Amino acid sequence: MTVTAIAGLIHETDTRIWKLLGKAVDEARDAADYSDVVRIEIDDTARKRNQSYISIMANLDCQRAVAVTQGRDKGALGRL
């Protein structure tokens, strides 16, 4: 379901929904504990057919994404 659809259902603006989602993501990142991460894997994949890539860092031991960033350029590793 899109943010616009959710906003319409609860009679709120999509801007407000995006702000709330951003706050929730920030709080989850602050609370995340990566002290048990020992082995990681980095891979990239196309988000869309037009080859817009994202790079993903994952914990190999529990198969959980640790970080995601746009692109697969030289700077992607630093952003992860």
N, C-alpha and C. Protein backbone atom coordinates (compact mmCIF):
# COMPACT_ATOMS: atom_id res chain seq x y z
N MET A 1 0.85 -1.17 0.00
CA MET A 1 0.00 0.00 0.00
C MET A 1 0.90 1.24 0.00
N THR A 2 0.56 2.20 -0.80
CA THR A 2 1.36 3.43 -0.89
C THR A 2 1.10 4.36 0.28
N VAL A 3 2.04 5.26 0.51
CA VAL A 3 1.88 6.25 1.57
C VAL A 3 0.67 7.13 1.28
N THR A 4 0.46 7.47 0.02
CA THR A 4 -0.69 8.29 -0.35
C THR A 4 -2.00 7.58 -0.01
N ALA A 5 -2.05 6.27 -0.27
CA ALA A 5 -3.26 5.50 0.05
C ALA A 5 -3.50 5.45 1.56
N ILE A 6 -2.43 5.24 2.31
CA ILE A 6 -2.56 5.22 3.77
C ILE A 6 -3.04 6.58 4.28
N ALA A 7 -2.45 7.65 3.74
CA ALA A 7 -2.85 9.00 4.15
C ALA A 7 -4.33 9.23 3.90
N GLY A 8 -4.81 8.76 2.76
CA GLY A 8 -6.23 8.92 2.44
C GLY A 8 -7.13 8.15 3.39
N LEU A 9 -6.69 6.96 3.78
CA LEU A 9 -7.49 6.13 4.69
C LEU A 9 -7.63 6.75 6.07
N ILE A 10 -6.58 7.41 6.53
CA ILE A 10 -6.64 7.96 7.89
C ILE A 10 -6.82 9.47 7.89
N HIS A 11 -7.14 10.03 6.72
CA HIS A 11 -7.43 11.46 6.57
C HIS A 11 -6.27 12.32 7.08
N GLU A 12 -5.08 12.01 6.60
CA GLU A 12 -3.86 12.73 6.96
C GLU A 12 -3.10 13.03 5.68
N THR A 13 -2.15 13.96 5.73
CA THR A 13 -1.38 14.27 4.53
C THR A 13 -0.25 13.25 4.37
N ASP A 14 0.15 13.03 3.11
CA ASP A 14 1.25 12.10 2.88
C ASP A 14 2.56 12.64 3.46
N THR A 15 2.70 13.97 3.51
CA THR A 15 3.89 14.58 4.11
C THR A 15 4.01 14.18 5.58
N ARG A 16 2.91 14.21 6.28
CA ARG A 16 2.89 13.84 7.70
C ARG A 16 3.25 12.37 7.87
N ILE A 17 2.72 11.52 7.00
CA ILE A 17 3.01 10.08 7.07
C ILE A 17 4.51 9.85 6.84
N TRP A 18 5.09 10.52 5.83
CA TRP A 18 6.52 10.38 5.56
C TRP A 18 7.36 10.82 6.76
N LYS A 19 6.96 11.90 7.42
CA LYS A 19 7.68 12.38 8.60
C LYS A 19 7.62 11.33 9.73
N LEU A 20 6.45 10.74 9.93
CA LEU A 20 6.31 9.71 10.96
C LEU A 20 7.13 8.48 10.63
N LEU A 21 7.14 8.09 9.35
CA LEU A 21 7.96 6.94 8.94
C LEU A 21 9.44 7.22 9.15
N GLY A 22 9.86 8.43 8.80
CA GLY A 22 11.25 8.82 9.00
C GLY A 22 11.65 8.77 10.46
N LYS A 23 10.76 9.25 11.32
CA LYS A 23 11.03 9.22 12.76
C LYS A 23 11.13 7.78 13.27
N ALA A 24 10.24 6.92 12.80
CA ALA A 24 10.27 5.52 13.21
C ALA A 24 11.55 4.83 12.76
N VAL A 25 12.00 5.13 11.56
CA VAL A 25 13.25 4.55 11.05
C VAL A 25 14.44 5.05 11.86
N ASP A 26 14.47 6.34 12.14
CA ASP A 26 15.56 6.90 12.95
C ASP A 26 15.61 6.26 14.33
N GLU A 27 14.46 6.06 14.96
CA GLU A 27 14.41 5.44 16.29
C GLU A 27 14.88 3.99 16.22
N ALA A 28 14.48 3.28 15.17
CA ALA A 28 14.90 1.88 15.02
C ALA A 28 16.41 1.79 14.80
N ARG A 29 16.96 2.71 14.01
CA ARG A 29 18.42 2.72 13.79
C ARG A 29 19.16 3.00 15.10
N ASP A 30 18.66 3.95 15.87
CA ASP A 30 19.30 4.28 17.15
C ASP A 30 19.27 3.11 18.12
N ALA A 31 18.21 2.31 18.07
CA ALA A 31 18.06 1.19 18.99
C ALA A 31 18.74 -0.09 18.49
N ALA A 32 19.16 -0.11 17.24
CA ALA A 32 19.75 -1.32 16.66
C ALA A 32 21.08 -1.65 17.33
N ASP A 33 21.31 -2.93 17.55
CA ASP A 33 22.55 -3.40 18.16
C ASP A 33 23.24 -4.35 17.18
N TYR A 34 24.37 -3.92 16.66
CA TYR A 34 25.11 -4.73 15.69
C TYR A 34 26.37 -5.34 16.30
N SER A 35 26.44 -5.40 17.61
CA SER A 35 27.63 -5.91 18.28
C SER A 35 27.87 -7.39 18.00
N ASP A 36 26.84 -8.12 17.61
CA ASP A 36 27.00 -9.55 17.33
C ASP A 36 27.34 -9.84 15.87
N VAL A 37 27.45 -8.81 15.03
CA VAL A 37 27.76 -9.01 13.62
C VAL A 37 29.24 -9.33 13.48
N VAL A 38 29.53 -10.51 12.94
CA VAL A 38 30.90 -10.95 12.76
C VAL A 38 31.24 -11.07 11.28
N ARG A 39 30.32 -11.63 10.51
CA ARG A 39 30.55 -11.83 9.08
C ARG A 39 29.48 -11.07 8.29
N ILE A 40 29.94 -10.32 7.28
CA ILE A 40 29.00 -9.57 6.46
C ILE A 40 29.17 -9.94 5.00
N GLU A 41 28.14 -9.64 4.24
CA GLU A 41 28.15 -9.81 2.80
C GLU A 41 27.65 -8.51 2.21
N ILE A 42 28.25 -8.08 1.11
CA ILE A 42 27.79 -6.88 0.41
C ILE A 42 27.44 -7.27 -1.01
N ASP A 43 26.26 -6.89 -1.44
CA ASP A 43 25.79 -7.22 -2.78
C ASP A 43 24.99 -6.04 -3.31
N ASP A 44 24.76 -6.02 -4.60
CA ASP A 44 23.91 -4.97 -5.17
C ASP A 44 22.85 -5.62 -6.04
N THR A 45 21.79 -4.89 -6.24
CA THR A 45 20.70 -5.36 -7.06
C THR A 45 20.00 -4.17 -7.70
N ALA A 46 19.35 -4.41 -8.83
CA ALA A 46 18.63 -3.33 -9.51
C ALA A 46 17.29 -3.14 -8.82
N ARG A 47 16.97 -1.88 -8.49
CA ARG A 47 15.67 -1.57 -7.90
C ARG A 47 14.58 -1.62 -8.94
N LYS A 48 14.90 -1.17 -10.13
CA LYS A 48 13.92 -1.10 -11.22
C LYS A 48 14.57 -1.59 -12.49
N ARG A 49 13.79 -1.76 -13.51
CA ARG A 49 14.31 -2.24 -14.79
C ARG A 49 15.28 -1.25 -15.43
N ASN A 50 15.23 0.02 -15.07
CA ASN A 50 16.12 1.00 -15.68
C ASN A 50 17.50 1.00 -15.03
N GLN A 51 17.83 -0.07 -14.29
CA GLN A 51 19.15 -0.27 -13.69
C GLN A 51 19.49 0.78 -12.63
N SER A 52 18.54 1.14 -11.81
CA SER A 52 18.77 1.98 -10.66
C SER A 52 19.15 1.03 -9.51
N TYR A 53 20.41 1.05 -9.11
CA TYR A 53 20.93 0.05 -8.18
C TYR A 53 20.86 0.48 -6.72
N ILE A 54 20.77 -0.53 -5.84
CA ILE A 54 20.96 -0.35 -4.42
C ILE A 54 22.01 -1.36 -3.97
N SER A 55 22.80 -1.00 -2.96
CA SER A 55 23.79 -1.90 -2.38
C SER A 55 23.29 -2.29 -0.99
N ILE A 56 23.50 -3.55 -0.66
CA ILE A 56 22.98 -4.09 0.60
C ILE A 56 24.11 -4.75 1.38
N MET A 57 24.21 -4.43 2.67
CA MET A 57 25.13 -5.11 3.57
C MET A 57 24.29 -6.00 4.48
N ALA A 58 24.65 -7.28 4.55
CA ALA A 58 23.85 -8.22 5.33
C ALA A 58 24.72 -8.98 6.31
N ASN A 59 24.14 -9.35 7.43
CA ASN A 59 24.77 -10.22 8.43
C ASN A 59 24.64 -11.65 7.91
N LEU A 60 25.76 -12.30 7.61
CA LEU A 60 25.72 -13.65 7.05
C LEU A 60 25.21 -14.68 8.04
N ASP A 61 25.40 -14.46 9.32
CA ASP A 61 25.02 -15.47 10.30
C ASP A 61 23.51 -15.55 10.54
N CYS A 62 22.82 -14.44 10.40
CA CYS A 62 21.37 -14.49 10.62
C CYS A 62 20.58 -14.04 9.39
N GLN A 63 21.28 -13.81 8.28
CA GLN A 63 20.66 -13.43 7.02
C GLN A 63 19.71 -12.25 7.19
N ARG A 64 20.25 -11.18 7.79
CA ARG A 64 19.46 -9.96 8.04
C ARG A 64 20.19 -8.76 7.45
N ALA A 65 19.45 -7.89 6.79
CA ALA A 65 20.05 -6.69 6.24
C ALA A 65 20.51 -5.78 7.37
N VAL A 66 21.72 -5.26 7.23
CA VAL A 66 22.29 -4.36 8.22
C VAL A 66 22.21 -2.92 7.72
N ALA A 67 22.43 -2.73 6.41
CA ALA A 67 22.40 -1.39 5.82
C ALA A 67 22.08 -1.49 4.34
N VAL A 68 21.45 -0.43 3.82
CA VAL A 68 21.11 -0.34 2.40
C VAL A 68 21.41 1.09 1.95
N THR A 69 21.98 1.24 0.76
CA THR A 69 22.25 2.56 0.22
C THR A 69 22.00 2.57 -1.28
N GLN A 70 21.75 3.73 -1.82
CA GLN A 70 21.54 3.85 -3.26
C GLN A 70 22.87 3.74 -3.98
N GLY A 71 22.84 3.12 -5.15
CA GLY A 71 23.99 3.06 -6.02
C GLY A 71 24.89 1.87 -5.77
N ARG A 72 25.79 1.65 -6.72
CA ARG A 72 26.81 0.60 -6.56
C ARG A 72 28.18 1.17 -6.99
N ASP A 73 28.37 2.43 -6.74
CA ASP A 73 29.61 3.12 -7.09
C ASP A 73 30.65 2.92 -6.00
N LYS A 74 31.81 3.53 -6.17
CA LYS A 74 32.90 3.41 -5.20
C LYS A 74 32.51 3.94 -3.84
N GLY A 75 31.64 4.92 -3.77
CA GLY A 75 31.23 5.50 -2.50
C GLY A 75 30.21 4.69 -1.73
N ALA A 76 29.63 3.68 -2.38
CA ALA A 76 28.59 2.88 -1.72
C ALA A 76 29.12 2.19 -0.46
N LEU A 77 30.33 1.67 -0.52
CA LEU A 77 30.89 1.00 0.63
C LEU A 77 31.00 1.93 1.83
N GLY A 78 31.45 3.15 1.59
CA GLY A 78 31.55 4.13 2.66
C GLY A 78 30.20 4.52 3.22
N ARG A 79 29.19 4.59 2.37
CA ARG A 79 27.84 4.94 2.82
C ARG A 79 27.22 3.80 3.63
N LEU A 80 27.59 2.56 3.30
CA LEU A 80 27.05 1.44 4.06
C LEU A 80 27.62 1.46 5.47
